[in-house]
């Protein structure tokens, strides 16, 4: 499986880029946000990739982070969500927005993505709500994949292992704090929000703590 490619962007289209890797062009489909994060044509870029293989089709999808790639994998596991719909959701909400919407059960936010109806949006929230905390608690790594210099593109295609799961047996509060930190909340407000949630529901698991903390941090919370 092709897990990452690095090379020169030959051209950019509405929903994909062509990346030249030592004379071989790879067509890589990306979300709108990912396309905006990639450099201009003629410059070098590196993206994590997911290869979709069907009887009549082979497509590469590109992501700037492993977290975005993991969300794509999870979104496509939901009935009625194909690759195009997954990229639409990621493009509309971004990685943080997807996690926040699912954790809060906000299917209306998911429905805002182009081509996503209310039933599909509800399925996304319902089917992924228990998986969201693990992805949200993952270390996000660099904001974008490294862009090598022209002379440094030696290992142009390399496999990438699946993102690691959270540390073994962490407490629910620690996982919730990590998730809020990855969403960009300051340590002080994250600690306060998780503490309030834990005080109200001492036996709550990670998913519940995240939802409660996010609700308390929301502008109208």
N, C-alpha and C. Protein backbone atom coordinates (compact mmCIF):
# COMPACT_ATOMS: atom_id res chain seq x y z
N UNK A 1 0.84 -1.21 0.00
CA UNK A 1 0.00 0.00 0.00
C UNK A 1 0.87 1.24 0.00
N UNK A 2 0.48 2.23 -0.80
CA UNK A 2 1.22 3.49 -0.84
C UNK A 2 0.75 4.35 0.32
N UNK A 3 1.64 4.63 1.26
CA UNK A 3 1.26 5.38 2.45
C UNK A 3 1.70 6.83 2.44
N UNK A 4 2.66 7.17 1.57
CA UNK A 4 3.15 8.55 1.51
C UNK A 4 3.88 8.74 0.20
N UNK A 5 3.70 9.89 -0.41
CA UNK A 5 4.48 10.21 -1.60
C UNK A 5 5.04 11.62 -1.48
N UNK A 6 6.17 11.83 -2.11
CA UNK A 6 6.81 13.15 -2.09
C UNK A 6 7.36 13.43 -3.48
N UNK A 7 7.11 14.64 -3.96
CA UNK A 7 7.61 15.01 -5.27
C UNK A 7 7.18 16.41 -5.65
N UNK A 8 7.27 16.73 -6.93
CA UNK A 8 6.93 18.07 -7.41
C UNK A 8 5.48 18.09 -7.88
N UNK A 9 4.75 19.13 -7.48
CA UNK A 9 3.38 19.29 -7.95
C UNK A 9 3.41 19.81 -9.39
N UNK A 10 2.93 18.99 -10.32
CA UNK A 10 2.91 19.39 -11.73
C UNK A 10 1.74 20.33 -12.02
N UNK A 11 0.57 19.99 -11.52
CA UNK A 11 -0.57 20.89 -11.68
C UNK A 11 -1.59 20.66 -10.58
N UNK A 12 -2.43 21.66 -10.39
CA UNK A 12 -3.48 21.62 -9.38
C UNK A 12 -4.83 21.73 -10.08
N UNK A 13 -5.80 20.93 -9.65
CA UNK A 13 -7.15 21.00 -10.18
C UNK A 13 -8.11 21.32 -9.04
N UNK A 14 -9.40 21.27 -9.32
CA UNK A 14 -10.40 21.62 -8.31
C UNK A 14 -10.37 20.65 -7.14
N UNK A 15 -10.18 19.36 -7.42
CA UNK A 15 -10.25 18.37 -6.35
C UNK A 15 -9.03 17.46 -6.26
N UNK A 16 -7.98 17.75 -7.04
CA UNK A 16 -6.81 16.89 -6.98
C UNK A 16 -5.56 17.63 -7.44
N UNK A 17 -4.42 17.00 -7.19
CA UNK A 17 -3.14 17.49 -7.71
C UNK A 17 -2.43 16.34 -8.41
N UNK A 18 -1.54 16.66 -9.32
CA UNK A 18 -0.68 15.67 -9.95
C UNK A 18 0.72 15.87 -9.39
N UNK A 19 1.23 14.86 -8.72
CA UNK A 19 2.56 14.94 -8.11
C UNK A 19 3.53 14.08 -8.91
N UNK A 20 4.57 14.71 -9.43
CA UNK A 20 5.58 14.01 -10.21
C UNK A 20 6.64 13.44 -9.27
N UNK A 21 6.77 12.13 -9.30
CA UNK A 21 7.76 11.44 -8.47
C UNK A 21 8.77 10.77 -9.39
N UNK A 22 9.88 11.46 -9.62
CA UNK A 22 10.94 10.94 -10.50
C UNK A 22 10.39 10.47 -11.84
N UNK A 23 9.56 11.31 -12.45
CA UNK A 23 9.06 11.02 -13.77
C UNK A 23 7.73 10.29 -13.83
N UNK A 24 7.24 9.83 -12.70
CA UNK A 24 5.94 9.15 -12.64
C UNK A 24 4.94 10.09 -11.98
N UNK A 25 3.82 10.35 -12.65
CA UNK A 25 2.82 11.26 -12.10
C UNK A 25 1.74 10.53 -11.33
N UNK A 26 1.51 10.97 -10.10
CA UNK A 26 0.47 10.38 -9.25
C UNK A 26 -0.67 11.37 -9.07
N UNK A 27 -1.86 10.96 -9.45
CA UNK A 27 -3.05 11.78 -9.29
C UNK A 27 -3.56 11.58 -7.87
N UNK A 28 -3.58 12.64 -7.07
CA UNK A 28 -3.94 12.54 -5.65
C UNK A 28 -5.13 13.44 -5.37
N UNK A 29 -6.24 12.84 -4.94
CA UNK A 29 -7.44 13.60 -4.60
C UNK A 29 -7.37 14.06 -3.16
N UNK A 30 -7.79 15.30 -2.91
CA UNK A 30 -7.67 15.90 -1.58
C UNK A 30 -8.92 16.71 -1.25
N UNK A 31 -9.10 16.94 0.05
CA UNK A 31 -10.17 17.83 0.47
C UNK A 31 -9.81 19.27 0.11
N UNK A 32 -10.80 20.14 0.16
CA UNK A 32 -10.57 21.54 -0.16
C UNK A 32 -9.52 22.16 0.76
N UNK A 33 -9.58 21.82 2.04
CA UNK A 33 -8.61 22.38 3.00
C UNK A 33 -7.21 21.88 2.73
N UNK A 34 -7.09 20.61 2.39
CA UNK A 34 -5.77 20.05 2.10
C UNK A 34 -5.18 20.70 0.86
N UNK A 35 -6.00 20.89 -0.17
CA UNK A 35 -5.52 21.55 -1.38
C UNK A 35 -5.01 22.96 -1.07
N UNK A 36 -5.73 23.66 -0.19
CA UNK A 36 -5.31 25.01 0.16
C UNK A 36 -3.98 25.01 0.92
N UNK A 37 -3.71 23.92 1.64
CA UNK A 37 -2.48 23.85 2.43
C UNK A 37 -1.26 23.45 1.60
N UNK A 38 -1.49 22.89 0.41
CA UNK A 38 -0.38 22.44 -0.42
C UNK A 38 0.24 23.62 -1.17
N UNK A 39 1.52 23.51 -1.51
CA UNK A 39 2.19 24.62 -2.22
C UNK A 39 1.73 24.73 -3.67
N UNK A 40 2.24 25.71 -4.34
CA UNK A 40 1.85 25.98 -5.72
C UNK A 40 2.47 24.97 -6.67
N UNK A 41 1.94 24.93 -7.89
CA UNK A 41 2.50 24.07 -8.93
C UNK A 41 3.97 24.42 -9.15
N UNK A 42 4.77 23.39 -9.33
CA UNK A 42 6.20 23.59 -9.52
C UNK A 42 7.00 23.43 -8.25
N UNK A 43 6.33 23.44 -7.09
CA UNK A 43 7.01 23.26 -5.82
C UNK A 43 6.87 21.82 -5.34
N UNK A 44 7.71 21.46 -4.37
CA UNK A 44 7.70 20.10 -3.85
C UNK A 44 6.79 19.98 -2.63
N UNK A 45 6.17 18.83 -2.51
CA UNK A 45 5.25 18.57 -1.41
C UNK A 45 5.31 17.10 -1.04
N UNK A 46 4.86 16.80 0.16
CA UNK A 46 4.73 15.42 0.62
C UNK A 46 3.37 15.26 1.27
N UNK A 47 2.68 14.19 0.94
CA UNK A 47 1.37 13.94 1.52
C UNK A 47 1.27 12.48 1.95
N UNK A 48 0.54 12.24 3.04
CA UNK A 48 0.16 10.89 3.41
C UNK A 48 -0.98 10.47 2.48
N UNK A 49 -1.02 9.21 2.12
CA UNK A 49 -2.00 8.78 1.14
C UNK A 49 -2.75 7.53 1.58
N UNK A 50 -3.94 7.39 1.01
CA UNK A 50 -4.76 6.20 1.20
C UNK A 50 -5.19 5.73 -0.19
N UNK A 51 -4.94 4.47 -0.50
CA UNK A 51 -5.24 3.93 -1.82
C UNK A 51 -6.57 3.19 -1.80
N UNK A 52 -7.50 3.64 -2.64
CA UNK A 52 -8.79 2.99 -2.77
C UNK A 52 -8.76 2.10 -4.00
N UNK A 53 -9.01 0.81 -3.82
CA UNK A 53 -8.98 -0.15 -4.92
C UNK A 53 -10.34 -0.81 -5.05
N UNK A 54 -10.92 -0.69 -6.25
CA UNK A 54 -12.16 -1.36 -6.57
C UNK A 54 -11.99 -2.09 -7.88
N UNK A 55 -12.99 -2.85 -8.28
CA UNK A 55 -12.89 -3.63 -9.51
C UNK A 55 -12.57 -2.77 -10.72
N UNK A 56 -13.18 -1.59 -10.76
CA UNK A 56 -13.02 -0.74 -11.94
C UNK A 56 -12.34 0.59 -11.63
N UNK A 57 -11.66 0.67 -10.47
CA UNK A 57 -11.15 1.97 -10.05
C UNK A 57 -9.99 1.83 -9.08
N UNK A 58 -8.97 2.68 -9.26
CA UNK A 58 -7.88 2.83 -8.28
C UNK A 58 -7.67 4.33 -8.11
N UNK A 59 -7.81 4.82 -6.86
CA UNK A 59 -7.65 6.24 -6.60
C UNK A 59 -6.78 6.45 -5.36
N UNK A 60 -5.95 7.49 -5.43
CA UNK A 60 -5.13 7.89 -4.28
C UNK A 60 -5.74 9.13 -3.65
N UNK A 61 -5.83 9.14 -2.33
CA UNK A 61 -6.33 10.30 -1.59
C UNK A 61 -5.21 10.81 -0.69
N UNK A 62 -5.04 12.12 -0.66
CA UNK A 62 -3.91 12.70 0.06
C UNK A 62 -4.33 13.52 1.26
N UNK A 63 -3.45 13.52 2.29
CA UNK A 63 -3.74 14.21 3.56
C UNK A 63 -2.45 14.82 4.10
N UNK A 64 -2.58 15.97 4.75
CA UNK A 64 -1.39 16.63 5.30
C UNK A 64 -0.97 16.05 6.63
N UNK A 65 -1.88 15.37 7.34
CA UNK A 65 -1.54 14.76 8.63
C UNK A 65 -2.12 13.36 8.71
N UNK A 66 -1.55 12.55 9.60
CA UNK A 66 -2.07 11.20 9.81
C UNK A 66 -3.43 11.23 10.49
N UNK A 67 -3.70 12.27 11.26
CA UNK A 67 -5.01 12.38 11.91
C UNK A 67 -6.10 12.58 10.86
N UNK A 68 -5.82 13.43 9.87
CA UNK A 68 -6.79 13.63 8.80
C UNK A 68 -7.03 12.32 8.05
N UNK A 69 -5.96 11.57 7.82
CA UNK A 69 -6.09 10.28 7.14
C UNK A 69 -6.93 9.31 7.96
N UNK A 70 -6.75 9.31 9.27
CA UNK A 70 -7.52 8.42 10.14
C UNK A 70 -9.00 8.79 10.14
N UNK A 71 -9.31 10.09 10.14
CA UNK A 71 -10.71 10.51 10.06
C UNK A 71 -11.32 10.07 8.73
N UNK A 72 -10.56 10.18 7.67
CA UNK A 72 -11.05 9.73 6.36
C UNK A 72 -11.40 8.25 6.41
N UNK A 73 -10.53 7.46 7.01
CA UNK A 73 -10.78 6.02 7.12
C UNK A 73 -12.04 5.74 7.92
N UNK A 74 -12.22 6.46 9.03
CA UNK A 74 -13.40 6.24 9.86
C UNK A 74 -14.67 6.73 9.18
N UNK A 75 -14.61 7.88 8.54
CA UNK A 75 -15.80 8.40 7.87
C UNK A 75 -16.27 7.44 6.77
N UNK A 76 -15.33 6.85 6.06
CA UNK A 76 -15.69 5.93 4.99
C UNK A 76 -16.25 4.60 5.51
N UNK A 77 -16.07 4.34 6.79
CA UNK A 77 -16.64 3.12 7.37
C UNK A 77 -18.14 3.27 7.65
N UNK A 78 -18.65 4.49 7.56
CA UNK A 78 -20.06 4.75 7.81
C UNK A 78 -20.86 4.48 6.53
N UNK A 79 -21.95 3.78 6.68
CA UNK A 79 -22.79 3.48 5.52
C UNK A 79 -23.26 4.76 4.84
N UNK A 80 -23.09 4.80 3.54
CA UNK A 80 -23.52 5.97 2.78
C UNK A 80 -22.46 7.05 2.62
N UNK A 81 -21.30 6.85 3.25
CA UNK A 81 -20.21 7.83 3.14
C UNK A 81 -19.09 7.23 2.31
N UNK A 82 -18.95 7.69 1.09
CA UNK A 82 -17.84 7.27 0.24
C UNK A 82 -16.69 8.25 0.33
N UNK A 83 -15.70 8.06 -0.53
CA UNK A 83 -14.52 8.90 -0.49
C UNK A 83 -14.86 10.37 -0.76
N UNK A 84 -15.73 10.61 -1.73
CA UNK A 84 -16.10 11.99 -2.07
C UNK A 84 -16.80 12.67 -0.89
N UNK A 85 -17.72 11.95 -0.24
CA UNK A 85 -18.43 12.52 0.90
C UNK A 85 -17.49 12.77 2.07
N UNK A 86 -16.56 11.84 2.29
CA UNK A 86 -15.59 12.01 3.37
C UNK A 86 -14.76 13.26 3.16
N UNK A 87 -14.27 13.46 1.95
CA UNK A 87 -13.47 14.65 1.66
C UNK A 87 -14.31 15.92 1.78
N UNK A 88 -15.60 15.82 1.45
CA UNK A 88 -16.47 16.99 1.59
C UNK A 88 -16.62 17.37 3.07
N UNK A 89 -16.78 16.37 3.93
CA UNK A 89 -16.91 16.63 5.37
C UNK A 89 -15.62 17.22 5.93
N UNK A 90 -14.49 16.62 5.56
CA UNK A 90 -13.20 17.12 6.05
C UNK A 90 -12.91 18.51 5.50
N UNK A 91 -13.33 18.75 4.26
CA UNK A 91 -13.10 20.07 3.68
C UNK A 91 -13.95 21.14 4.33
N UNK A 92 -15.18 20.78 4.70
CA UNK A 92 -16.08 21.76 5.29
C UNK A 92 -15.75 22.05 6.75
N UNK A 93 -15.41 21.01 7.51
CA UNK A 93 -15.23 21.16 8.96
C UNK A 93 -13.78 21.16 9.40
N UNK A 94 -12.90 20.53 8.65
CA UNK A 94 -11.53 20.38 9.11
C UNK A 94 -11.43 19.27 10.15
N UNK A 95 -10.22 18.86 10.44
CA UNK A 95 -10.01 17.77 11.40
C UNK A 95 -10.59 18.08 12.76
N UNK A 96 -10.31 19.28 13.28
CA UNK A 96 -10.82 19.65 14.61
C UNK A 96 -12.33 19.75 14.61
N UNK A 97 -12.88 20.32 13.54
CA UNK A 97 -14.33 20.49 13.47
C UNK A 97 -15.07 19.17 13.42
N UNK A 98 -14.53 18.19 12.70
CA UNK A 98 -15.15 16.87 12.63
C UNK A 98 -15.19 16.23 14.02
N UNK A 99 -14.06 16.27 14.71
CA UNK A 99 -14.01 15.70 16.06
C UNK A 99 -14.96 16.38 17.01
N UNK A 100 -15.01 17.70 16.93
CA UNK A 100 -15.89 18.46 17.84
C UNK A 100 -17.36 18.16 17.55
N UNK A 101 -17.72 18.11 16.27
CA UNK A 101 -19.12 17.86 15.90
C UNK A 101 -19.57 16.47 16.35
N UNK A 102 -18.73 15.48 16.14
CA UNK A 102 -19.09 14.11 16.51
C UNK A 102 -19.15 13.97 18.03
N UNK A 103 -18.18 14.55 18.72
CA UNK A 103 -18.16 14.46 20.19
C UNK A 103 -19.38 15.12 20.81
N UNK A 104 -19.86 16.20 20.19
CA UNK A 104 -21.02 16.92 20.71
C UNK A 104 -22.34 16.38 20.17
N UNK A 105 -22.27 15.43 19.24
CA UNK A 105 -23.49 14.93 18.63
C UNK A 105 -24.14 15.96 17.71
N UNK A 106 -23.34 16.88 17.18
CA UNK A 106 -23.86 17.97 16.36
C UNK A 106 -23.92 17.53 14.90
N UNK A 107 -24.97 16.79 14.54
CA UNK A 107 -25.06 16.29 13.18
C UNK A 107 -25.40 17.41 12.19
N UNK A 108 -25.95 18.52 12.68
CA UNK A 108 -26.22 19.65 11.80
C UNK A 108 -24.93 20.23 11.22
N UNK A 109 -23.86 20.19 12.02
CA UNK A 109 -22.57 20.67 11.52
C UNK A 109 -22.06 19.76 10.41
N UNK A 110 -22.24 18.46 10.58
CA UNK A 110 -21.81 17.50 9.55
C UNK A 110 -22.65 17.69 8.29
N UNK A 111 -23.94 17.97 8.48
CA UNK A 111 -24.87 18.16 7.35
C UNK A 111 -24.49 19.37 6.50
N UNK A 112 -23.71 20.28 7.06
CA UNK A 112 -23.31 21.47 6.31
C UNK A 112 -22.37 21.15 5.16
N UNK A 113 -21.76 19.96 5.19
CA UNK A 113 -20.86 19.56 4.10
C UNK A 113 -21.66 19.30 2.83
N UNK A 114 -21.09 19.64 1.72
CA UNK A 114 -21.78 19.50 0.43
C UNK A 114 -22.12 18.04 0.15
N UNK A 115 -23.39 17.80 -0.17
CA UNK A 115 -23.83 16.46 -0.54
C UNK A 115 -24.19 15.55 0.62
N UNK A 116 -24.12 16.06 1.84
CA UNK A 116 -24.43 15.26 3.03
C UNK A 116 -25.83 15.59 3.53
N UNK A 117 -26.72 14.61 3.50
CA UNK A 117 -28.07 14.81 3.98
C UNK A 117 -28.20 14.55 5.47
N UNK A 118 -29.35 14.86 6.05
CA UNK A 118 -29.53 14.70 7.50
C UNK A 118 -29.38 13.26 7.98
N UNK A 119 -29.90 12.29 7.23
CA UNK A 119 -29.79 10.89 7.67
C UNK A 119 -28.34 10.43 7.69
N UNK A 120 -27.59 10.80 6.67
CA UNK A 120 -26.17 10.44 6.63
C UNK A 120 -25.41 11.12 7.75
N UNK A 121 -25.71 12.40 7.98
CA UNK A 121 -25.03 13.14 9.04
C UNK A 121 -25.30 12.50 10.41
N UNK A 122 -26.53 12.09 10.63
CA UNK A 122 -26.88 11.43 11.90
C UNK A 122 -26.15 10.10 12.05
N UNK A 123 -26.02 9.35 10.95
CA UNK A 123 -25.29 8.08 11.01
C UNK A 123 -23.83 8.31 11.36
N UNK A 124 -23.24 9.35 10.77
CA UNK A 124 -21.84 9.67 11.07
C UNK A 124 -21.65 9.90 12.55
N UNK A 125 -22.51 10.73 13.14
CA UNK A 125 -22.40 11.05 14.56
C UNK A 125 -22.64 9.82 15.43
N UNK A 126 -23.69 9.07 15.12
CA UNK A 126 -24.05 7.93 15.94
C UNK A 126 -23.03 6.80 15.87
N UNK A 127 -22.49 6.55 14.67
CA UNK A 127 -21.58 5.42 14.51
C UNK A 127 -20.15 5.72 14.95
N UNK A 128 -19.78 7.00 14.97
CA UNK A 128 -18.39 7.34 15.29
C UNK A 128 -18.22 7.98 16.66
N UNK A 129 -19.31 8.20 17.39
CA UNK A 129 -19.19 8.92 18.66
C UNK A 129 -18.29 8.20 19.67
N UNK A 130 -18.26 6.86 19.63
CA UNK A 130 -17.43 6.11 20.57
C UNK A 130 -15.98 6.01 20.10
N UNK A 131 -15.75 6.26 18.81
CA UNK A 131 -14.39 6.19 18.27
C UNK A 131 -13.71 7.55 18.25
N UNK A 132 -14.50 8.61 18.29
CA UNK A 132 -13.96 9.97 18.18
C UNK A 132 -12.92 10.30 19.25
N UNK A 133 -13.14 9.94 20.54
CA UNK A 133 -12.16 10.33 21.55
C UNK A 133 -10.76 9.80 21.28
N UNK A 134 -10.65 8.59 20.75
CA UNK A 134 -9.33 8.04 20.46
C UNK A 134 -8.61 8.86 19.39
N UNK A 135 -9.34 9.24 18.33
CA UNK A 135 -8.71 10.03 17.27
C UNK A 135 -8.37 11.42 17.79
N UNK A 136 -9.29 12.01 18.57
CA UNK A 136 -9.06 13.35 19.09
C UNK A 136 -7.89 13.39 20.06
N UNK A 137 -7.63 12.29 20.73
CA UNK A 137 -6.54 12.25 21.71
C UNK A 137 -5.20 11.90 21.08
N UNK A 138 -5.20 11.58 19.80
CA UNK A 138 -3.95 11.26 19.13
C UNK A 138 -3.07 12.50 19.04
N UNK A 139 -1.78 12.31 19.10
CA UNK A 139 -0.86 13.41 18.85
C UNK A 139 -0.99 13.81 17.39
N UNK A 140 -1.24 15.08 17.14
CA UNK A 140 -1.47 15.50 15.77
C UNK A 140 -0.20 15.63 14.96
N UNK A 141 0.96 15.68 15.61
CA UNK A 141 2.18 15.79 14.83
C UNK A 141 2.28 17.15 14.17
N UNK A 142 3.11 17.25 13.11
CA UNK A 142 3.27 18.53 12.42
C UNK A 142 1.99 18.96 11.76
N UNK A 143 1.83 20.27 11.64
CA UNK A 143 0.61 20.79 11.04
C UNK A 143 0.46 20.36 9.60
N UNK A 144 1.58 20.14 8.89
CA UNK A 144 1.50 19.66 7.51
C UNK A 144 2.69 18.75 7.26
N UNK A 145 2.58 17.93 6.25
CA UNK A 145 3.67 17.02 5.93
C UNK A 145 4.88 17.82 5.48
N UNK A 146 6.06 17.29 5.74
CA UNK A 146 7.29 17.99 5.38
C UNK A 146 7.41 18.10 3.87
N UNK A 147 7.91 19.24 3.40
CA UNK A 147 8.12 19.45 1.98
C UNK A 147 9.61 19.38 1.71
N UNK A 148 10.11 18.28 1.12
CA UNK A 148 11.55 18.11 0.92
C UNK A 148 12.07 19.00 -0.20
N UNK A 149 13.37 19.28 -0.15
CA UNK A 149 14.02 19.99 -1.24
C UNK A 149 14.16 19.06 -2.43
N UNK A 150 14.41 19.65 -3.59
CA UNK A 150 14.47 18.86 -4.81
C UNK A 150 15.52 17.77 -4.72
N UNK A 151 16.64 18.06 -4.08
CA UNK A 151 17.71 17.07 -4.00
C UNK A 151 17.52 16.06 -2.90
N UNK A 152 16.47 16.20 -2.12
CA UNK A 152 16.29 15.32 -0.99
C UNK A 152 15.20 14.28 -1.21
N UNK A 153 14.60 14.26 -2.40
CA UNK A 153 13.52 13.32 -2.67
C UNK A 153 14.11 12.00 -3.11
N UNK A 154 14.64 11.22 -2.17
CA UNK A 154 15.21 9.91 -2.46
C UNK A 154 14.19 8.82 -2.19
N UNK A 155 13.68 8.79 -0.98
CA UNK A 155 12.63 7.83 -0.65
C UNK A 155 11.31 8.48 -0.97
N UNK A 156 10.89 8.34 -2.23
CA UNK A 156 9.73 9.10 -2.67
C UNK A 156 8.42 8.43 -2.33
N UNK A 157 8.43 7.11 -2.17
CA UNK A 157 7.22 6.40 -1.79
C UNK A 157 7.56 5.49 -0.65
N UNK A 158 6.87 5.62 0.44
CA UNK A 158 7.19 4.82 1.59
C UNK A 158 5.92 4.46 2.35
N UNK A 159 5.86 3.27 2.93
CA UNK A 159 4.68 2.88 3.70
C UNK A 159 4.65 3.63 5.01
N UNK A 160 3.48 3.90 5.47
CA UNK A 160 3.30 4.59 6.75
C UNK A 160 2.42 3.74 7.64
N UNK A 161 2.87 3.51 8.85
CA UNK A 161 2.08 2.70 9.78
C UNK A 161 0.85 3.48 10.20
N UNK A 162 -0.19 2.74 10.59
CA UNK A 162 -1.41 3.38 11.07
C UNK A 162 -1.12 4.17 12.32
N UNK A 163 -1.82 5.27 12.55
CA UNK A 163 -1.61 6.09 13.75
C UNK A 163 -1.75 5.24 14.99
N UNK A 164 -0.89 5.52 15.95
CA UNK A 164 -0.94 4.74 17.17
C UNK A 164 -2.12 5.14 18.03
N UNK A 165 -2.61 4.21 18.81
CA UNK A 165 -3.73 4.48 19.72
C UNK A 165 -3.21 5.22 20.94
N UNK A 166 -4.08 5.76 21.75
CA UNK A 166 -3.64 6.42 22.97
C UNK A 166 -2.87 5.48 23.86
N UNK A 167 -2.11 6.02 24.78
CA UNK A 167 -1.33 5.22 25.70
C UNK A 167 -2.20 4.20 26.42
N UNK A 168 -1.59 3.06 26.77
CA UNK A 168 -2.36 1.97 27.38
C UNK A 168 -2.97 2.41 28.71
N UNK A 169 -4.26 2.14 28.87
CA UNK A 169 -4.99 2.36 30.11
C UNK A 169 -4.84 3.77 30.71
N UNK A 170 -4.95 4.82 29.91
CA UNK A 170 -4.91 6.15 30.51
C UNK A 170 -6.24 6.43 31.19
N UNK A 171 -6.24 7.38 32.10
CA UNK A 171 -7.50 7.74 32.75
C UNK A 171 -8.36 8.52 31.77
N UNK A 172 -9.67 8.49 32.01
CA UNK A 172 -10.59 9.21 31.13
C UNK A 172 -10.29 10.71 31.15
N UNK A 173 -9.94 11.25 32.31
CA UNK A 173 -9.66 12.68 32.39
C UNK A 173 -8.41 13.05 31.59
N UNK A 174 -7.39 12.20 31.64
CA UNK A 174 -6.16 12.47 30.88
C UNK A 174 -6.42 12.44 29.39
N UNK A 175 -7.23 11.47 28.95
CA UNK A 175 -7.57 11.39 27.53
C UNK A 175 -8.37 12.62 27.09
N UNK A 176 -9.32 13.03 27.95
CA UNK A 176 -10.14 14.19 27.63
C UNK A 176 -9.26 15.45 27.55
N UNK A 177 -8.33 15.62 28.46
CA UNK A 177 -7.42 16.76 28.44
C UNK A 177 -6.58 16.77 27.17
N UNK A 178 -6.08 15.60 26.79
CA UNK A 178 -5.28 15.49 25.57
C UNK A 178 -6.10 15.88 24.35
N UNK A 179 -7.35 15.41 24.32
CA UNK A 179 -8.22 15.72 23.18
C UNK A 179 -8.48 17.22 23.08
N UNK A 180 -8.76 17.86 24.21
CA UNK A 180 -9.02 19.30 24.19
C UNK A 180 -7.76 20.07 23.80
N UNK A 181 -6.61 19.59 24.25
CA UNK A 181 -5.36 20.23 23.86
C UNK A 181 -5.13 20.16 22.37
N UNK A 182 -5.43 18.99 21.78
CA UNK A 182 -5.27 18.83 20.34
C UNK A 182 -6.25 19.67 19.55
N UNK A 183 -7.35 20.05 20.19
CA UNK A 183 -8.33 20.92 19.54
C UNK A 183 -7.96 22.39 19.67
N UNK A 184 -6.87 22.68 20.39
CA UNK A 184 -6.39 24.05 20.46
C UNK A 184 -6.76 24.82 21.72
N UNK A 185 -7.41 24.16 22.67
CA UNK A 185 -7.77 24.86 23.91
C UNK A 185 -6.54 25.01 24.80
N UNK A 186 -6.46 26.14 25.48
CA UNK A 186 -5.34 26.39 26.39
C UNK A 186 -5.40 25.42 27.56
N UNK A 187 -4.24 25.04 28.11
CA UNK A 187 -4.22 24.08 29.21
C UNK A 187 -5.12 24.46 30.37
N UNK A 188 -5.11 25.76 30.73
CA UNK A 188 -5.91 26.18 31.87
C UNK A 188 -7.40 25.97 31.67
N UNK A 189 -7.92 26.39 30.51
CA UNK A 189 -9.35 26.25 30.28
C UNK A 189 -9.72 24.78 30.06
N UNK A 190 -8.80 24.00 29.48
CA UNK A 190 -9.08 22.57 29.29
C UNK A 190 -9.17 21.86 30.63
N UNK A 191 -8.23 22.15 31.51
CA UNK A 191 -8.24 21.52 32.84
C UNK A 191 -9.52 21.89 33.59
N UNK A 192 -9.88 23.18 33.55
CA UNK A 192 -11.08 23.62 34.25
C UNK A 192 -12.33 22.94 33.72
N UNK A 193 -12.42 22.84 32.39
CA UNK A 193 -13.62 22.24 31.77
C UNK A 193 -13.72 20.76 32.10
N UNK A 194 -12.60 20.06 32.03
CA UNK A 194 -12.61 18.62 32.35
C UNK A 194 -12.90 18.40 33.83
N UNK A 195 -12.36 19.27 34.67
CA UNK A 195 -12.61 19.15 36.11
C UNK A 195 -14.09 19.35 36.42
N UNK A 196 -14.71 20.33 35.75
CA UNK A 196 -16.14 20.55 35.96
C UNK A 196 -16.93 19.32 35.51
N UNK A 197 -16.57 18.80 34.35
CA UNK A 197 -17.28 17.62 33.84
C UNK A 197 -17.10 16.43 34.76
N UNK A 198 -15.88 16.22 35.23
CA UNK A 198 -15.62 15.09 36.13
C UNK A 198 -16.34 15.26 37.45
N UNK A 199 -16.46 16.51 37.90
CA UNK A 199 -17.18 16.75 39.14
C UNK A 199 -18.66 16.44 39.02
N UNK A 200 -19.22 16.74 37.84
CA UNK A 200 -20.64 16.48 37.62
C UNK A 200 -20.92 15.01 37.34
N UNK A 201 -19.95 14.33 36.75
CA UNK A 201 -20.14 12.91 36.40
C UNK A 201 -18.85 12.14 36.69
N UNK A 202 -18.62 11.81 37.96
CA UNK A 202 -17.36 11.17 38.36
C UNK A 202 -17.07 9.85 37.65
N UNK A 203 -18.11 9.14 37.24
CA UNK A 203 -17.91 7.83 36.61
C UNK A 203 -17.93 7.92 35.09
N UNK A 204 -17.93 9.12 34.54
CA UNK A 204 -18.04 9.28 33.08
C UNK A 204 -16.81 8.75 32.37
N UNK A 205 -17.03 8.18 31.18
CA UNK A 205 -15.90 7.73 30.39
C UNK A 205 -15.36 8.89 29.57
N UNK A 206 -14.33 8.61 28.76
CA UNK A 206 -13.66 9.67 28.01
C UNK A 206 -14.62 10.41 27.09
N UNK A 207 -15.43 9.67 26.33
CA UNK A 207 -16.33 10.31 25.37
C UNK A 207 -17.29 11.27 26.05
N UNK A 208 -17.84 10.85 27.17
CA UNK A 208 -18.78 11.70 27.90
C UNK A 208 -18.08 12.94 28.45
N UNK A 209 -16.88 12.75 29.01
CA UNK A 209 -16.14 13.90 29.54
C UNK A 209 -15.83 14.92 28.45
N UNK A 210 -15.44 14.44 27.28
CA UNK A 210 -15.14 15.35 26.18
C UNK A 210 -16.38 16.13 25.77
N UNK A 211 -17.50 15.43 25.63
CA UNK A 211 -18.74 16.11 25.25
C UNK A 211 -19.14 17.16 26.28
N UNK A 212 -19.06 16.80 27.57
CA UNK A 212 -19.44 17.75 28.62
C UNK A 212 -18.51 18.94 28.65
N UNK A 213 -17.20 18.68 28.49
CA UNK A 213 -16.22 19.77 28.53
C UNK A 213 -16.41 20.71 27.35
N UNK A 214 -16.65 20.15 26.16
CA UNK A 214 -16.85 20.99 24.99
C UNK A 214 -18.10 21.84 25.11
N UNK A 215 -19.15 21.28 25.69
CA UNK A 215 -20.38 22.04 25.89
C UNK A 215 -20.14 23.21 26.84
N UNK A 216 -19.34 22.99 27.88
CA UNK A 216 -19.07 24.06 28.83
C UNK A 216 -18.16 25.13 28.24
N UNK A 217 -17.35 24.74 27.24
CA UNK A 217 -16.44 25.70 26.61
C UNK A 217 -17.08 26.43 25.44
N UNK A 218 -18.22 25.93 24.98
CA UNK A 218 -18.90 26.57 23.85
C UNK A 218 -19.34 27.97 24.26
N UNK A 219 -19.40 28.91 23.31
CA UNK A 219 -19.77 30.30 23.62
C UNK A 219 -21.08 30.42 24.37
N UNK A 220 -22.04 29.54 24.07
CA UNK A 220 -23.31 29.61 24.76
C UNK A 220 -23.42 28.53 25.83
N UNK A 221 -22.22 27.90 26.20
CA UNK A 221 -22.26 26.80 27.15
C UNK A 221 -22.33 27.26 28.57
